[in-house]
Amino acid sequence: MYYLTKRDYDYAIRICAYLAGLGEKSHFSIQQLSSKLLITKPFTTKIVYQLKKNNILKTIRGKNGGVLLAIKPEELSLFQICKAMGLVMRVSECINVDGFCPLPAPCNIHSFFIEQENQIIEKLKIKTINEFAFTDADIK
């Protein structure tokens, strides 16, 4: 199983928040995004590809092409972005693997971790990228 680094989520959210700050019609090349957001070009390319594959971003080809959001910023949740990047949340192995925990179900520890995980997911679903949008003026 491939686990993404925390950096993948951070950069994906950063790219989407920046594009949200630019407005619906604005787009930037991967090189421009990489430079503005201080992310290496290969990493930016990887993240843009993953977000495009999951219909979070769209790309325009050609001389005046670039990357832009495929979903309105007020409708795009942090959960959608993280899920597109392959979010796999499991705090404890007992949640992940049946039979891992030798304690009889329902285990209080297991229940606690499931509750915490559900709360995090709900918070990610509520927050939209519009709330985190920023522009060049915010970077300086």
C-alpha atoms as a PDB file:
ATOM      1  CA  MET A   1       0.000   0.000   0.000  1.00  0.00           C
ATOM      2  CA  TYR A   2       1.274   3.472  -0.886  1.00  0.00           C
ATOM      3  CA  TYR A   3       1.093   6.021   1.919  1.00  0.00           C
ATOM      4  CA  LEU A   4       1.313   9.652   1.016  1.00  0.00           C
ATOM      5  CA  THR A   5       3.374  12.036   3.031  1.00  0.00           C
ATOM      6  CA  LYS A   6       1.788  14.870   4.941  1.00  0.00           C
ATOM      7  CA  ARG A   7       3.533  17.147   2.488  1.00  0.00           C
ATOM      8  CA  ASP A   8       1.368  15.811  -0.354  1.00  0.00           C
ATOM      9  CA  TYR A   9      -1.789  16.973   1.410  1.00  0.00           C
ATOM     10  CA  ASP A  10      -0.253  20.279   2.404  1.00  0.00           C
ATOM     11  CA  TYR A  11       0.922  21.057  -1.120  1.00  0.00           C
ATOM     12  CA  ALA A  12      -2.370  19.943  -2.702  1.00  0.00           C
ATOM     13  CA  ILE A  13      -4.319  22.219  -0.355  1.00  0.00           C
ATOM     14  CA  ARG A  14      -1.829  25.040  -0.953  1.00  0.00           C
ATOM     15  CA  ILE A  15      -2.197  24.732  -4.750  1.00  0.00           C
ATOM     16  CA  CYS A  16      -5.996  24.669  -4.558  1.00  0.00           C
ATOM     17  CA  ALA A  17      -6.131  27.574  -2.087  1.00  0.00           C
ATOM     18  CA  TYR A  18      -3.909  29.669  -4.337  1.00  0.00           C
ATOM     19  CA  LEU A  19      -5.996  28.871  -7.419  1.00  0.00           C
ATOM     20  CA  ALA A  20      -9.138  29.705  -5.398  1.00  0.00           C
ATOM     21  CA  GLY A  21      -7.648  33.103  -4.568  1.00  0.00           C
ATOM     22  CA  LEU A  22      -7.022  33.822  -8.236  1.00  0.00           C
ATOM     23  CA  GLY A  23     -10.668  33.518  -9.216  1.00  0.00           C
ATOM     24  CA  GLU A  24     -12.596  31.305 -11.597  1.00  0.00           C
ATOM     25  CA  LYS A  25     -11.069  32.418 -14.880  1.00  0.00           C
ATOM     26  CA  SER A  26      -7.439  32.614 -13.757  1.00  0.00           C
ATOM     27  CA  HIS A  27      -4.945  29.864 -14.328  1.00  0.00           C
ATOM     28  CA  PHE A  28      -1.228  29.346 -13.894  1.00  0.00           C
ATOM     29  CA  SER A  29       1.297  27.043 -15.482  1.00  0.00           C
ATOM     30  CA  ILE A  30       2.864  24.314 -13.383  1.00  0.00           C
ATOM     31  CA  GLN A  31       6.136  26.265 -13.510  1.00  0.00           C
ATOM     32  CA  GLN A  32       4.426  29.411 -12.198  1.00  0.00           C
ATOM     33  CA  LEU A  33       2.651  27.476  -9.415  1.00  0.00           C
ATOM     34  CA  SER A  34       5.901  25.812  -8.459  1.00  0.00           C
ATOM     35  CA  SER A  35       7.741  29.111  -8.285  1.00  0.00           C
ATOM     36  CA  LYS A  36       4.995  31.060  -6.461  1.00  0.00           C
ATOM     37  CA  LEU A  37       4.276  28.338  -3.896  1.00  0.00           C
ATOM     38  CA  LEU A  38       7.878  27.226  -3.324  1.00  0.00           C
ATOM     39  CA  ILE A  39       7.224  23.626  -4.355  1.00  0.00           C
ATOM     40  CA  THR A  40       9.603  21.784  -6.670  1.00  0.00           C
ATOM     41  CA  LYS A  41       8.353  21.451 -10.237  1.00  0.00           C
ATOM     42  CA  PRO A  42       8.341  17.614 -10.164  1.00  0.00           C
ATOM     43  CA  PHE A  43       6.306  17.645  -6.927  1.00  0.00           C
ATOM     44  CA  THR A  44       3.914  20.252  -8.355  1.00  0.00           C
ATOM     45  CA  THR A  45       3.497  18.173 -11.514  1.00  0.00           C
ATOM     46  CA  LYS A  46       2.759  15.034  -9.472  1.00  0.00           C
ATOM     47  CA  ILE A  47       0.146  16.799  -7.334  1.00  0.00           C
ATOM     48  CA  VAL A  48      -1.527  18.551 -10.276  1.00  0.00           C
ATOM     49  CA  TYR A  49      -1.717  15.213 -12.119  1.00  0.00           C
ATOM     50  CA  GLN A  50      -3.331  13.517  -9.107  1.00  0.00           C
ATOM     51  CA  LEU A  51      -5.825  16.335  -8.544  1.00  0.00           C
ATOM     52  CA  LYS A  52      -6.684  16.453 -12.257  1.00  0.00           C
ATOM     53  CA  LYS A  53      -7.177  12.688 -12.355  1.00  0.00           C
ATOM     54  CA  ASN A  54      -9.710  13.106  -9.537  1.00  0.00           C
ATOM     55  CA  ASN A  55     -11.518  16.056 -11.167  1.00  0.00           C
ATOM     56  CA  ILE A  56     -10.389  18.650  -8.626  1.00  0.00           C
ATOM     57  CA  LEU A  57      -8.300  20.554 -11.178  1.00  0.00           C
ATOM     58  CA  LYS A  58      -8.500  20.952 -14.918  1.00  0.00           C
ATOM     59  CA  THR A  59      -5.780  21.927 -17.316  1.00  0.00           C
ATOM     60  CA  ILE A  60      -5.751  24.016 -20.456  1.00  0.00           C
ATOM     61  CA  ARG A  61      -3.156  23.090 -23.056  1.00  0.00           C
ATOM     62  CA  GLY A  62      -1.204  25.432 -25.223  1.00  0.00           C
ATOM     63  CA  LYS A  63       0.812  28.604 -25.033  1.00  0.00           C
ATOM     64  CA  ASN A  64      -1.713  30.349 -22.796  1.00  0.00           C
ATOM     65  CA  GLY A  65      -2.682  27.204 -20.924  1.00  0.00           C
ATOM     66  CA  GLY A  66      -2.407  26.348 -17.291  1.00  0.00           C
ATOM     67  CA  VAL A  67      -4.064  24.827 -14.266  1.00  0.00           C
ATOM     68  CA  LEU A  68      -7.348  25.921 -12.675  1.00  0.00           C
ATOM     69  CA  LEU A  69      -9.931  24.585 -10.254  1.00  0.00           C
ATOM     70  CA  ALA A  70     -12.577  22.304 -11.755  1.00  0.00           C
ATOM     71  CA  ILE A  71     -14.879  22.865  -8.770  1.00  0.00           C
ATOM     72  CA  LYS A  72     -16.069  26.185  -7.354  1.00  0.00           C
ATOM     73  CA  PRO A  73     -13.961  27.068  -4.275  1.00  0.00           C
ATOM     74  CA  GLU A  74     -17.045  27.345  -2.043  1.00  0.00           C
ATOM     75  CA  GLU A  75     -18.025  23.775  -3.054  1.00  0.00           C
ATOM     76  CA  LEU A  76     -14.579  22.152  -2.761  1.00  0.00           C
ATOM     77  CA  SER A  77     -13.922  20.642   0.662  1.00  0.00           C
ATOM     78  CA  LEU A  78     -10.569  19.856   2.220  1.00  0.00           C
ATOM     79  CA  PHE A  79     -11.782  16.263   2.443  1.00  0.00           C
ATOM     80  CA  GLN A  80     -12.252  16.088  -1.339  1.00  0.00           C
ATOM     81  CA  ILE A  81      -8.698  17.323  -1.872  1.00  0.00           C
ATOM     82  CA  CYS A  82      -7.182  14.940   0.663  1.00  0.00           C
ATOM     83  CA  LYS A  83      -9.235  12.036  -0.660  1.00  0.00           C
ATOM     84  CA  ALA A  84      -8.089  12.833  -4.206  1.00  0.00           C
ATOM     85  CA  MET A  85      -4.523  12.658  -2.904  1.00  0.00           C
ATOM     86  CA  GLY A  86      -5.169   9.190  -1.486  1.00  0.00           C
ATOM     87  CA  LEU A  87      -6.111   9.904   2.109  1.00  0.00           C
ATOM     88  CA  VAL A  88      -5.960   6.751   4.196  1.00  0.00           C
ATOM     89  CA  MET A  89      -6.778   7.526   7.797  1.00  0.00           C
ATOM     90  CA  ARG A  90      -6.229   4.845  10.325  1.00  0.00           C
ATOM     91  CA  VAL A  91      -4.879   5.890  13.683  1.00  0.00           C
ATOM     92  CA  SER A  92      -4.721   2.377  15.106  1.00  0.00           C
ATOM     93  CA  GLU A  93      -4.046  -0.981  13.472  1.00  0.00           C
ATOM     94  CA  CYS A  94      -7.029  -2.417  15.339  1.00  0.00           C
ATOM     95  CA  ILE A  95      -9.256  -0.303  13.092  1.00  0.00           C
ATOM     96  CA  ASN A  96      -7.377  -1.337   9.983  1.00  0.00           C
ATOM     97  CA  VAL A  97      -7.029  -5.099  10.314  1.00  0.00           C
ATOM     98  CA  ASP A  98      -9.797  -7.476  11.384  1.00  0.00           C
ATOM     99  CA  GLY A  99      -8.650  -9.709  14.200  1.00  0.00           C
ATOM    100  CA  PHE A 100      -5.639  -7.495  15.029  1.00  0.00           C
ATOM    101  CA  CYS A 101      -6.940  -6.661  18.484  1.00  0.00           C
ATOM    102  CA  PRO A 102      -7.238  -9.662  20.816  1.00  0.00           C
ATOM    103  CA  LEU A 103      -9.717  -7.830  23.074  1.00  0.00           C
ATOM    104  CA  PRO A 104     -13.401  -8.645  22.683  1.00  0.00           C
ATOM    105  CA  ALA A 105     -15.404  -6.200  20.612  1.00  0.00           C
ATOM    106  CA  PRO A 106     -16.396  -3.487  21.145  1.00  0.00           C
ATOM    107  CA  CYS A 107     -13.017  -2.445  22.498  1.00  0.00           C
ATOM    108  CA  ASN A 108     -13.009   1.009  24.167  1.00  0.00           C
ATOM    109  CA  ILE A 109      -9.713   1.887  22.514  1.00  0.00           C
ATOM    110  CA  HIS A 110     -11.028   0.888  19.092  1.00  0.00           C
ATOM    111  CA  SER A 111     -14.202   2.907  19.645  1.00  0.00           C
ATOM    112  CA  PHE A 112     -12.196   5.951  20.746  1.00  0.00           C
ATOM    113  CA  PHE A 113     -10.030   5.925  17.604  1.00  0.00           C
ATOM    114  CA  ILE A 114     -13.018   5.461  15.310  1.00  0.00           C
ATOM    115  CA  GLU A 115     -14.748   8.421  16.981  1.00  0.00           C
ATOM    116  CA  GLN A 116     -11.645  10.628  16.612  1.00  0.00           C
ATOM    117  CA  GLU A 117     -11.207   9.653  12.989  1.00  0.00           C
ATOM    118  CA  ASN A 118     -14.861  10.394  12.229  1.00  0.00           C
ATOM    119  CA  GLN A 119     -14.569  13.840  13.840  1.00  0.00           C
ATOM    120  CA  ILE A 120     -11.522  14.709  11.739  1.00  0.00           C
ATOM    121  CA  ILE A 121     -13.230  13.561   8.541  1.00  0.00           C
ATOM    122  CA  GLU A 122     -16.348  15.600   9.355  1.00  0.00           C
ATOM    123  CA  LYS A 123     -14.252  18.714   9.953  1.00  0.00           C
ATOM    124  CA  LEU A 124     -12.441  18.192   6.636  1.00  0.00           C
ATOM    125  CA  LYS A 125     -15.798  17.851   4.884  1.00  0.00           C
ATOM    126  CA  ILE A 126     -17.142  21.089   6.394  1.00  0.00           C
ATOM    127  CA  LYS A 127     -14.153  23.306   5.539  1.00  0.00           C
ATOM    128  CA  THR A 128     -14.046  24.560   1.957  1.00  0.00           C
ATOM    129  CA  ILE A 129     -10.966  25.705   0.090  1.00  0.00           C
ATOM    130  CA  ASN A 130     -12.608  29.102  -0.279  1.00  0.00           C
ATOM    131  CA  GLU A 131     -11.942  29.657   3.445  1.00  0.00           C
ATOM    132  CA  PHE A 132      -8.205  29.231   2.825  1.00  0.00           C
ATOM    133  CA  ALA A 133      -7.902  31.116  -0.479  1.00  0.00           C
ATOM    134  CA  PHE A 134      -4.928  33.452  -0.824  1.00  0.00           C
ATOM    135  CA  THR A 135      -3.215  35.592  -3.449  1.00  0.00           C
ATOM    136  CA  ASP A 136       0.260  36.920  -4.199  1.00  0.00           C
ATOM    137  CA  ALA A 137      -0.367  39.795  -1.776  1.00  0.00           C
ATOM    138  CA  ASP A 138      -0.704  37.260   1.053  1.00  0.00           C
ATOM    139  CA  ILE A 139       2.589  35.565   0.192  1.00  0.00           C
ATOM    140  CA  LYS A 140       4.766  38.676   0.489  1.00  0.00           C
END
